[in-house]
Amino acid sequence: MKQKIFSKNAPPPIGPYSQAIIANNMMFLSGQIAINPNTNLLVVDSIENETNMVLKNIQNILQENQCSMNEIIKCTIFLSDMNLFEKVNKVYEKYFNIPYPARETVQVSGLPKNVNVEISVIAMCK
């Protein structure tokens, strides 16, 4: 059986999907972009701030089910330009501890609302 997870501390979905779904102690978070949940505005003044906002949104959704970043087992990072990889990676590494989650990073031709980064995750929650 699947259960919908919703956090008021992360932006609401902008389409027909859930922020996250839990099934068999696995939490599947939809891709998050840098929408500030307090203002509903995009944070795109720098790739560092954009990445921070994305990861904070992920943290907030996880916390809704008493999960943490340490329980993430897989991340997918979508970038508008692979030249942003190093800057995104420097922010990303501040949110995780060893052992780091499995991950792939791909460049895509476009992202929702023309953002530069979107991240989706899978976590193992109790």
C-alpha atoms as a PDB file:
ATOM      1  CA  MET A   1       0.000   0.000   0.000  1.00  0.00           C
ATOM      2  CA  LYS A   2       1.304   3.444  -0.822  1.00  0.00           C
ATOM      3  CA  GLN A   3       1.010   6.561   1.323  1.00  0.00           C
ATOM      4  CA  LYS A   4       1.204  10.168   0.170  1.00  0.00           C
ATOM      5  CA  ILE A   5       3.621  12.490   2.002  1.00  0.00           C
ATOM      6  CA  PHE A   6       3.053  16.252   1.965  1.00  0.00           C
ATOM      7  CA  SER A   7       5.074  18.969   3.692  1.00  0.00           C
ATOM      8  CA  LYS A   8       3.910  22.559   4.030  1.00  0.00           C
ATOM      9  CA  ASN A   9       7.627  23.398   4.315  1.00  0.00           C
ATOM     10  CA  ALA A  10       8.251  22.501   0.680  1.00  0.00           C
ATOM     11  CA  PRO A  11       6.574  23.796  -2.464  1.00  0.00           C
ATOM     12  CA  PRO A  12       3.312  22.091  -3.418  1.00  0.00           C
ATOM     13  CA  PRO A  13       3.336  20.028  -6.615  1.00  0.00           C
ATOM     14  CA  ILE A  14       2.916  22.062  -9.798  1.00  0.00           C
ATOM     15  CA  GLY A  15       1.223  19.178 -11.593  1.00  0.00           C
ATOM     16  CA  PRO A  16      -0.606  15.886 -11.061  1.00  0.00           C
ATOM     17  CA  TYR A  17       1.931  14.239  -8.752  1.00  0.00           C
ATOM     18  CA  SER A  18       2.744  13.938  -5.044  1.00  0.00           C
ATOM     19  CA  GLN A  19       5.728  15.481  -3.268  1.00  0.00           C
ATOM     20  CA  ALA A  20       6.570  11.968  -2.120  1.00  0.00           C
ATOM     21  CA  ILE A  21       5.153   8.484  -1.820  1.00  0.00           C
ATOM     22  CA  ILE A  22       6.063   5.836   0.744  1.00  0.00           C
ATOM     23  CA  ALA A  23       5.751   2.170  -0.135  1.00  0.00           C
ATOM     24  CA  ASN A  24       7.292  -0.662   1.908  1.00  0.00           C
ATOM     25  CA  ASN A  25       9.487   1.719   3.963  1.00  0.00           C
ATOM     26  CA  MET A  26      10.861   3.318   0.792  1.00  0.00           C
ATOM     27  CA  MET A  27      10.226   7.012   0.196  1.00  0.00           C
ATOM     28  CA  PHE A  28      10.238   8.201  -3.403  1.00  0.00           C
ATOM     29  CA  LEU A  29      10.527  11.985  -3.663  1.00  0.00           C
ATOM     30  CA  SER A  30       9.477  13.712  -6.839  1.00  0.00           C
ATOM     31  CA  GLY A  31      12.018  15.998  -8.434  1.00  0.00           C
ATOM     32  CA  GLN A  32      12.401  19.206  -6.472  1.00  0.00           C
ATOM     33  CA  ILE A  33      13.263  22.593  -7.911  1.00  0.00           C
ATOM     34  CA  ALA A  34      14.249  25.793  -6.129  1.00  0.00           C
ATOM     35  CA  ILE A  35      10.845  27.184  -5.217  1.00  0.00           C
ATOM     36  CA  ASN A  36      10.901  28.887  -1.828  1.00  0.00           C
ATOM     37  CA  PRO A  37       7.848  27.448  -0.015  1.00  0.00           C
ATOM     38  CA  ASN A  38       7.389  30.657   2.013  1.00  0.00           C
ATOM     39  CA  THR A  39       7.215  33.011  -0.978  1.00  0.00           C
ATOM     40  CA  ASN A  40       6.387  30.583  -3.811  1.00  0.00           C
ATOM     41  CA  LEU A  41       9.148  32.306  -5.795  1.00  0.00           C
ATOM     42  CA  LEU A  42      12.064  30.685  -7.581  1.00  0.00           C
ATOM     43  CA  VAL A  43      15.525  31.051  -6.049  1.00  0.00           C
ATOM     44  CA  VAL A  44      17.729  31.418  -9.116  1.00  0.00           C
ATOM     45  CA  ASP A  45      20.116  34.253  -8.228  1.00  0.00           C
ATOM     46  CA  SER A  46      23.036  31.775  -8.197  1.00  0.00           C
ATOM     47  CA  ILE A  47      23.420  28.068  -8.836  1.00  0.00           C
ATOM     48  CA  GLU A  48      24.654  27.664  -5.259  1.00  0.00           C
ATOM     49  CA  ASN A  49      21.525  29.266  -3.771  1.00  0.00           C
ATOM     50  CA  GLU A  50      19.330  27.360  -6.206  1.00  0.00           C
ATOM     51  CA  THR A  51      20.908  24.029  -5.205  1.00  0.00           C
ATOM     52  CA  ASN A  52      20.625  24.892  -1.488  1.00  0.00           C
ATOM     53  CA  MET A  53      16.904  25.608  -1.888  1.00  0.00           C
ATOM     54  CA  VAL A  54      16.351  22.317  -3.733  1.00  0.00           C
ATOM     55  CA  LEU A  55      18.141  20.346  -1.004  1.00  0.00           C
ATOM     56  CA  LYS A  56      16.312  22.186   1.792  1.00  0.00           C
ATOM     57  CA  ASN A  57      13.004  21.296   0.124  1.00  0.00           C
ATOM     58  CA  ILE A  58      14.112  17.653   0.012  1.00  0.00           C
ATOM     59  CA  GLN A  59      15.092  17.784   3.710  1.00  0.00           C
ATOM     60  CA  ASN A  60      11.701  19.213   4.637  1.00  0.00           C
ATOM     61  CA  ILE A  61       9.780  16.535   2.769  1.00  0.00           C
ATOM     62  CA  LEU A  62      11.883  13.798   4.373  1.00  0.00           C
ATOM     63  CA  GLN A  63      11.338  15.294   7.842  1.00  0.00           C
ATOM     64  CA  GLU A  64       7.578  15.095   7.327  1.00  0.00           C
ATOM     65  CA  ASN A  65       8.007  11.336   7.810  1.00  0.00           C
ATOM     66  CA  GLN A  66      10.808  11.563  10.421  1.00  0.00           C
ATOM     67  CA  CYS A  67      13.461  10.730   7.803  1.00  0.00           C
ATOM     68  CA  SER A  68      16.787  12.476   7.249  1.00  0.00           C
ATOM     69  CA  MET A  69      19.251  13.039   4.444  1.00  0.00           C
ATOM     70  CA  ASN A  70      21.272  10.118   5.871  1.00  0.00           C
ATOM     71  CA  GLU A  71      18.505   7.757   4.794  1.00  0.00           C
ATOM     72  CA  ILE A  72      18.733   8.714   1.127  1.00  0.00           C
ATOM     73  CA  ILE A  73      20.037   5.792  -0.891  1.00  0.00           C
ATOM     74  CA  LYS A  74      19.772   7.215  -4.432  1.00  0.00           C
ATOM     75  CA  CYS A  75      19.813  10.696  -5.981  1.00  0.00           C
ATOM     76  CA  THR A  76      19.258  11.831  -9.525  1.00  0.00           C
ATOM     77  CA  ILE A  77      20.466  15.308 -10.421  1.00  0.00           C
ATOM     78  CA  PHE A  78      19.206  16.971 -13.578  1.00  0.00           C
ATOM     79  CA  LEU A  79      21.208  19.970 -14.804  1.00  0.00           C
ATOM     80  CA  SER A  80      20.482  22.474 -17.545  1.00  0.00           C
ATOM     81  CA  ASP A  81      24.226  22.675 -18.226  1.00  0.00           C
ATOM     82  CA  MET A  82      26.921  20.201 -17.187  1.00  0.00           C
ATOM     83  CA  ASN A  83      29.277  23.171 -16.685  1.00  0.00           C
ATOM     84  CA  LEU A  84      27.337  23.771 -13.427  1.00  0.00           C
ATOM     85  CA  PHE A  85      28.370  20.340 -12.094  1.00  0.00           C
ATOM     86  CA  GLU A  86      31.273  21.462  -9.865  1.00  0.00           C
ATOM     87  CA  LYS A  87      29.303  24.247  -8.170  1.00  0.00           C
ATOM     88  CA  VAL A  88      26.279  21.997  -7.606  1.00  0.00           C
ATOM     89  CA  ASN A  89      28.525  19.232  -6.293  1.00  0.00           C
ATOM     90  CA  LYS A  90      30.141  21.560  -3.714  1.00  0.00           C
ATOM     91  CA  VAL A  91      26.732  22.440  -2.272  1.00  0.00           C
ATOM     92  CA  TYR A  92      25.493  18.851  -2.528  1.00  0.00           C
ATOM     93  CA  GLU A  93      28.378  17.396  -0.512  1.00  0.00           C
ATOM     94  CA  LYS A  94      27.509  19.637   2.478  1.00  0.00           C
ATOM     95  CA  TYR A  95      24.173  17.805   2.861  1.00  0.00           C
ATOM     96  CA  PHE A  96      25.489  14.231   2.938  1.00  0.00           C
ATOM     97  CA  ASN A  97      27.769  12.033   5.030  1.00  0.00           C
ATOM     98  CA  ILE A  98      29.775   8.959   4.132  1.00  0.00           C
ATOM     99  CA  PRO A  99      28.552   6.584   2.811  1.00  0.00           C
ATOM    100  CA  TYR A 100      27.158   8.903   0.153  1.00  0.00           C
ATOM    101  CA  PRO A 101      24.010   7.887  -1.729  1.00  0.00           C
ATOM    102  CA  ALA A 102      24.306   6.318  -5.151  1.00  0.00           C
ATOM    103  CA  ARG A 103      23.826   9.010  -7.773  1.00  0.00           C
ATOM    104  CA  GLU A 104      23.747  10.017 -11.379  1.00  0.00           C
ATOM    105  CA  THR A 105      23.899  13.494 -12.855  1.00  0.00           C
ATOM    106  CA  VAL A 106      22.576  14.204 -16.317  1.00  0.00           C
ATOM    107  CA  GLN A 107      22.284  17.274 -18.496  1.00  0.00           C
ATOM    108  CA  VAL A 108      18.822  17.791 -19.933  1.00  0.00           C
ATOM    109  CA  SER A 109      17.489  20.123 -22.600  1.00  0.00           C
ATOM    110  CA  GLY A 110      14.970  21.765 -20.275  1.00  0.00           C
ATOM    111  CA  LEU A 111      13.598  21.710 -16.731  1.00  0.00           C
ATOM    112  CA  PRO A 112      10.324  22.977 -15.220  1.00  0.00           C
ATOM    113  CA  LYS A 113      10.121  26.774 -14.993  1.00  0.00           C
ATOM    114  CA  ASN A 114      13.492  26.952 -16.802  1.00  0.00           C
ATOM    115  CA  VAL A 115      15.459  26.218 -13.614  1.00  0.00           C
ATOM    116  CA  ASN A 116      19.065  25.026 -13.693  1.00  0.00           C
ATOM    117  CA  VAL A 117      18.834  22.070 -11.299  1.00  0.00           C
ATOM    118  CA  GLU A 118      16.252  19.491 -10.241  1.00  0.00           C
ATOM    119  CA  ILE A 119      16.923  16.638  -7.824  1.00  0.00           C
ATOM    120  CA  SER A 120      14.865  13.535  -7.074  1.00  0.00           C
ATOM    121  CA  VAL A 121      15.704  11.003  -4.357  1.00  0.00           C
ATOM    122  CA  ILE A 122      14.837   7.602  -2.973  1.00  0.00           C
ATOM    123  CA  ALA A 123      15.179   7.074   0.785  1.00  0.00           C
ATOM    124  CA  MET A 124      14.868   4.064   3.070  1.00  0.00           C
ATOM    125  CA  CYS A 125      12.666   5.228   5.964  1.00  0.00           C
ATOM    126  CA  LYS A 126      11.608   3.351   9.067  1.00  0.00           C
END
